[in-house]
Amino acid sequence: MVTIVWDLKKPLPELRINEEIVLKPVSREDLKEVGKILVVTWGGFIKSPETTERYVGPYLSAGLEQPFLAYLGTKPVGCVSPRLDKESKVGVLDGGVHVLPEHRRKRIGTTLLLMALQWLKDCGMERAKVTPFNPEGEEAIQRAIAFYLSTDGRII
């Protein structure tokens, strides 16, 4: 496995985003919507939306993680869950960036990633990291790595 890192002490990359997407922070009550996306994008690994509620909920309540949903109209089509590590000042993209398959290649992932990096930076993180994983296999992992590298991430 590889880890991709962004230096948040530098300006964030200037990348094209999807202007049609509305990003919203997720409350504990709406975590199931994040879970519904993960059931599709991580099929076989996340089997029910409630898994996300149980796993992310305590971090959200503690103010250490802030999931975001990307909406196209009224439909949630993607998510990201950045988490703080106040001790190391290295924020984590918990699980990475997720976009429903039928909405990929529309800059939704880029839009979500930039939101997550900005949130981590605003919260005092000096770096952000993600370890790409996908239960679909190596091809999906390589796609994720290529995406993160295209957004100024660096392999460490």
C-alpha atoms as a PDB file:
ATOM      1  CA  MET A   1       0.000   0.000   0.000  1.00  0.00           C
ATOM      2  CA  VAL A   2       1.062   3.559  -0.658  1.00  0.00           C
ATOM      3  CA  THR A   3       0.244   6.759   1.158  1.00  0.00           C
ATOM      4  CA  ILE A   4      -0.468  10.000  -0.684  1.00  0.00           C
ATOM      5  CA  VAL A   5       0.273  13.289   1.098  1.00  0.00           C
ATOM      6  CA  TRP A   6      -0.556  16.948   0.468  1.00  0.00           C
ATOM      7  CA  ASP A   7       1.412  19.806   2.050  1.00  0.00           C
ATOM      8  CA  LEU A   8      -1.229  22.106   3.549  1.00  0.00           C
ATOM      9  CA  LYS A   9       1.340  24.777   4.436  1.00  0.00           C
ATOM     10  CA  LYS A  10       1.390  25.591   0.717  1.00  0.00           C
ATOM     11  CA  PRO A  11      -1.533  27.070  -1.232  1.00  0.00           C
ATOM     12  CA  LEU A  12      -4.048  24.452  -2.308  1.00  0.00           C
ATOM     13  CA  PRO A  13      -3.826  23.410  -5.957  1.00  0.00           C
ATOM     14  CA  GLU A  14      -5.904  25.456  -8.378  1.00  0.00           C
ATOM     15  CA  LEU A  15      -7.986  22.795 -10.075  1.00  0.00           C
ATOM     16  CA  ARG A  16     -11.149  22.891 -12.123  1.00  0.00           C
ATOM     17  CA  ILE A  17     -14.175  21.928 -10.057  1.00  0.00           C
ATOM     18  CA  ASN A  18     -17.766  21.013 -10.847  1.00  0.00           C
ATOM     19  CA  GLU A  19     -19.767  24.231 -10.454  1.00  0.00           C
ATOM     20  CA  GLU A  20     -23.093  22.325 -10.435  1.00  0.00           C
ATOM     21  CA  ILE A  21     -22.228  20.449  -7.261  1.00  0.00           C
ATOM     22  CA  VAL A  22     -23.368  21.721  -3.881  1.00  0.00           C
ATOM     23  CA  LEU A  23     -21.209  20.527  -0.982  1.00  0.00           C
ATOM     24  CA  LYS A  24     -22.752  20.277   2.466  1.00  0.00           C
ATOM     25  CA  PRO A  25     -21.262  19.314   5.803  1.00  0.00           C
ATOM     26  CA  VAL A  26     -22.938  16.233   7.230  1.00  0.00           C
ATOM     27  CA  SER A  27     -24.570  16.125  10.653  1.00  0.00           C
ATOM     28  CA  ARG A  28     -24.748  12.945  12.717  1.00  0.00           C
ATOM     29  CA  GLU A  29     -28.385  12.566  11.654  1.00  0.00           C
ATOM     30  CA  ASP A  30     -27.362  12.456   7.977  1.00  0.00           C
ATOM     31  CA  LEU A  31     -24.468   9.995   8.248  1.00  0.00           C
ATOM     32  CA  LYS A  32     -26.649   7.278   6.743  1.00  0.00           C
ATOM     33  CA  GLU A  33     -26.536   9.189   3.409  1.00  0.00           C
ATOM     34  CA  VAL A  34     -22.747   8.900   3.446  1.00  0.00           C
ATOM     35  CA  GLY A  35     -23.136   5.217   4.239  1.00  0.00           C
ATOM     36  CA  LYS A  36     -25.465   4.687   1.267  1.00  0.00           C
ATOM     37  CA  ILE A  37     -22.751   6.004  -1.071  1.00  0.00           C
ATOM     38  CA  LEU A  38     -20.082   3.824   0.563  1.00  0.00           C
ATOM     39  CA  VAL A  39     -22.236   0.703   0.178  1.00  0.00           C
ATOM     40  CA  VAL A  40     -22.094   1.308  -3.597  1.00  0.00           C
ATOM     41  CA  THR A  41     -18.500   2.534  -3.941  1.00  0.00           C
ATOM     42  CA  TRP A  42     -17.045   0.050  -1.458  1.00  0.00           C
ATOM     43  CA  GLY A  43     -19.446  -2.797  -2.158  1.00  0.00           C
ATOM     44  CA  GLY A  44     -18.460  -5.873  -0.220  1.00  0.00           C
ATOM     45  CA  PHE A  45     -16.505  -3.906   2.378  1.00  0.00           C
ATOM     46  CA  ILE A  46     -19.267  -1.636   3.705  1.00  0.00           C
ATOM     47  CA  LYS A  47     -22.435  -3.695   3.737  1.00  0.00           C
ATOM     48  CA  SER A  48     -24.885  -1.291   5.402  1.00  0.00           C
ATOM     49  CA  PRO A  49     -25.200   2.478   5.834  1.00  0.00           C
ATOM     50  CA  GLU A  50     -25.357   1.976   9.596  1.00  0.00           C
ATOM     51  CA  THR A  51     -21.686   0.931   9.571  1.00  0.00           C
ATOM     52  CA  THR A  52     -20.779   4.522   8.739  1.00  0.00           C
ATOM     53  CA  GLU A  53     -22.967   5.837  11.536  1.00  0.00           C
ATOM     54  CA  ARG A  54     -21.245   3.573  14.064  1.00  0.00           C
ATOM     55  CA  TYR A  55     -17.710   4.227  12.804  1.00  0.00           C
ATOM     56  CA  VAL A  56     -17.744   7.947  11.903  1.00  0.00           C
ATOM     57  CA  GLY A  57     -20.385   9.095  14.406  1.00  0.00           C
ATOM     58  CA  PRO A  58     -18.116   9.248  17.472  1.00  0.00           C
ATOM     59  CA  TYR A  59     -15.425  11.196  15.568  1.00  0.00           C
ATOM     60  CA  LEU A  60     -18.050  13.626  14.264  1.00  0.00           C
ATOM     61  CA  SER A  61     -19.503  14.121  17.756  1.00  0.00           C
ATOM     62  CA  ALA A  62     -16.003  14.770  19.127  1.00  0.00           C
ATOM     63  CA  GLY A  63     -15.360  17.427  16.453  1.00  0.00           C
ATOM     64  CA  LEU A  64     -12.520  15.393  14.932  1.00  0.00           C
ATOM     65  CA  GLU A  65     -14.150  14.422  11.632  1.00  0.00           C
ATOM     66  CA  GLN A  66     -16.396  16.341   9.257  1.00  0.00           C
ATOM     67  CA  PRO A  67     -17.957  14.369   6.414  1.00  0.00           C
ATOM     68  CA  PHE A  68     -19.156  16.288   3.360  1.00  0.00           C
ATOM     69  CA  LEU A  69     -21.750  15.217   0.804  1.00  0.00           C
ATOM     70  CA  ALA A  70     -21.772  16.366  -2.817  1.00  0.00           C
ATOM     71  CA  TYR A  71     -25.263  16.973  -4.188  1.00  0.00           C
ATOM     72  CA  LEU A  72     -26.262  17.134  -7.824  1.00  0.00           C
ATOM     73  CA  GLY A  73     -29.684  18.714  -7.514  1.00  0.00           C
ATOM     74  CA  THR A  74     -31.213  16.939  -4.534  1.00  0.00           C
ATOM     75  CA  LYS A  75     -29.302  13.662  -5.018  1.00  0.00           C
ATOM     76  CA  PRO A  76     -26.190  12.870  -2.951  1.00  0.00           C
ATOM     77  CA  VAL A  77     -23.577  11.645  -5.460  1.00  0.00           C
ATOM     78  CA  GLY A  78     -20.316  11.668  -3.519  1.00  0.00           C
ATOM     79  CA  CYS A  79     -18.683  12.051  -0.134  1.00  0.00           C
ATOM     80  CA  VAL A  80     -15.436  12.614   1.727  1.00  0.00           C
ATOM     81  CA  SER A  81     -14.688  12.448   5.465  1.00  0.00           C
ATOM     82  CA  PRO A  82     -11.611  14.382   6.569  1.00  0.00           C
ATOM     83  CA  ARG A  83     -10.410  13.635  10.114  1.00  0.00           C
ATOM     84  CA  LEU A  84      -8.136  15.695  12.337  1.00  0.00           C
ATOM     85  CA  ASP A  85      -5.095  14.429  14.184  1.00  0.00           C
ATOM     86  CA  LYS A  86      -4.297  17.392  16.405  1.00  0.00           C
ATOM     87  CA  GLU A  87      -1.172  15.765  17.801  1.00  0.00           C
ATOM     88  CA  SER A  88       0.595  15.056  14.495  1.00  0.00           C
ATOM     89  CA  LYS A  89      -1.134  17.871  12.552  1.00  0.00           C
ATOM     90  CA  VAL A  90      -1.625  15.383   9.707  1.00  0.00           C
ATOM     91  CA  GLY A  91      -5.268  15.159   8.682  1.00  0.00           C
ATOM     92  CA  VAL A  92      -6.600  11.938   7.218  1.00  0.00           C
ATOM     93  CA  LEU A  93      -9.031  11.504   4.356  1.00  0.00           C
ATOM     94  CA  ASP A  94     -10.843   8.692   6.126  1.00  0.00           C
ATOM     95  CA  GLY A  95     -11.592   6.178   3.388  1.00  0.00           C
ATOM     96  CA  GLY A  96     -10.709   8.633   0.614  1.00  0.00           C
ATOM     97  CA  VAL A  97     -13.005  10.366  -1.855  1.00  0.00           C
ATOM     98  CA  HIS A  98     -16.093   8.510  -3.067  1.00  0.00           C
ATOM     99  CA  VAL A  99     -18.287   9.276  -6.087  1.00  0.00           C
ATOM    100  CA  LEU A 100     -21.102   7.082  -7.361  1.00  0.00           C
ATOM    101  CA  PRO A 101     -19.976   5.278 -10.541  1.00  0.00           C
ATOM    102  CA  GLU A 102     -22.506   6.955 -12.834  1.00  0.00           C
ATOM    103  CA  HIS A 103     -21.236  10.394 -11.753  1.00  0.00           C
ATOM    104  CA  ARG A 104     -17.485   9.843 -12.033  1.00  0.00           C
ATOM    105  CA  ARG A 105     -15.243  11.823 -14.396  1.00  0.00           C
ATOM    106  CA  LYS A 106     -17.302  14.999 -13.807  1.00  0.00           C
ATOM    107  CA  ARG A 107     -14.867  16.709 -11.371  1.00  0.00           C
ATOM    108  CA  ILE A 108     -17.068  15.837  -8.399  1.00  0.00           C
ATOM    109  CA  GLY A 109     -14.186  14.006  -6.721  1.00  0.00           C
ATOM    110  CA  THR A 110     -11.888  16.975  -7.277  1.00  0.00           C
ATOM    111  CA  THR A 111     -14.500  19.299  -5.783  1.00  0.00           C
ATOM    112  CA  LEU A 112     -14.861  17.050  -2.726  1.00  0.00           C
ATOM    113  CA  LEU A 113     -11.109  16.663  -2.306  1.00  0.00           C
ATOM    114  CA  LEU A 114     -10.494  20.415  -2.370  1.00  0.00           C
ATOM    115  CA  MET A 115     -13.246  20.930   0.232  1.00  0.00           C
ATOM    116  CA  ALA A 116     -11.675  18.299   2.495  1.00  0.00           C
ATOM    117  CA  LEU A 117      -8.166  19.746   2.120  1.00  0.00           C
ATOM    118  CA  GLN A 118      -9.458  23.263   2.839  1.00  0.00           C
ATOM    119  CA  TRP A 119     -11.310  22.062   5.947  1.00  0.00           C
ATOM    120  CA  LEU A 120      -8.197  20.308   7.236  1.00  0.00           C
ATOM    121  CA  LYS A 121      -6.072  23.380   6.527  1.00  0.00           C
ATOM    122  CA  ASP A 122      -8.592  25.683   8.240  1.00  0.00           C
ATOM    123  CA  CYS A 123      -8.470  23.375  11.286  1.00  0.00           C
ATOM    124  CA  GLY A 124      -4.695  23.779  11.580  1.00  0.00           C
ATOM    125  CA  MET A 125      -3.480  20.620   9.880  1.00  0.00           C
ATOM    126  CA  GLU A 126      -0.086  20.958   8.178  1.00  0.00           C
ATOM    127  CA  ARG A 127      -0.456  17.926   5.921  1.00  0.00           C
ATOM    128  CA  ALA A 128      -3.213  15.636   4.706  1.00  0.00           C
ATOM    129  CA  LYS A 129      -2.896  11.981   3.803  1.00  0.00           C
ATOM    130  CA  VAL A 130      -4.827   9.104   2.319  1.00  0.00           C
ATOM    131  CA  THR A 131      -3.975   5.457   1.848  1.00  0.00           C
ATOM    132  CA  PRO A 132      -5.900   4.361  -1.252  1.00  0.00           C
ATOM    133  CA  PHE A 133      -7.801   1.121  -0.790  1.00  0.00           C
ATOM    134  CA  ASN A 134     -10.680  -0.397  -2.705  1.00  0.00           C
ATOM    135  CA  PRO A 135     -12.156  -3.863  -2.225  1.00  0.00           C
ATOM    136  CA  GLU A 136     -12.809  -3.974  -5.999  1.00  0.00           C
ATOM    137  CA  GLY A 137      -9.123  -4.704  -6.463  1.00  0.00           C
ATOM    138  CA  GLU A 138      -5.856  -3.379  -7.798  1.00  0.00           C
ATOM    139  CA  GLU A 139      -7.281  -1.619 -10.869  1.00  0.00           C
ATOM    140  CA  ALA A 140      -9.577   0.488  -8.689  1.00  0.00           C
ATOM    141  CA  ILE A 141      -6.698   1.275  -6.330  1.00  0.00           C
ATOM    142  CA  GLN A 142      -4.518   2.389  -9.244  1.00  0.00           C
ATOM    143  CA  ARG A 143      -7.335   4.681 -10.468  1.00  0.00           C
ATOM    144  CA  ALA A 144      -7.511   6.227  -6.997  1.00  0.00           C
ATOM    145  CA  ILE A 145      -3.742   6.717  -6.845  1.00  0.00           C
ATOM    146  CA  ALA A 146      -3.768   8.384 -10.285  1.00  0.00           C
ATOM    147  CA  PHE A 147      -6.579  10.708  -9.146  1.00  0.00           C
ATOM    148  CA  TYR A 148      -4.767  11.759  -5.972  1.00  0.00           C
ATOM    149  CA  LEU A 149      -1.482  12.315  -7.834  1.00  0.00           C
ATOM    150  CA  SER A 150      -3.312  14.463 -10.403  1.00  0.00           C
ATOM    151  CA  THR A 151      -4.412  16.753  -7.574  1.00  0.00           C
ATOM    152  CA  ASP A 152      -0.861  17.503  -6.385  1.00  0.00           C
ATOM    153  CA  GLY A 153      -0.687  14.656  -3.894  1.00  0.00           C
ATOM    154  CA  ARG A 154       2.720  13.008  -3.477  1.00  0.00           C
ATOM    155  CA  ILE A 155       3.557   9.395  -2.681  1.00  0.00           C
ATOM    156  CA  ILE A 156       5.573   8.936   0.496  1.00  0.00           C
END
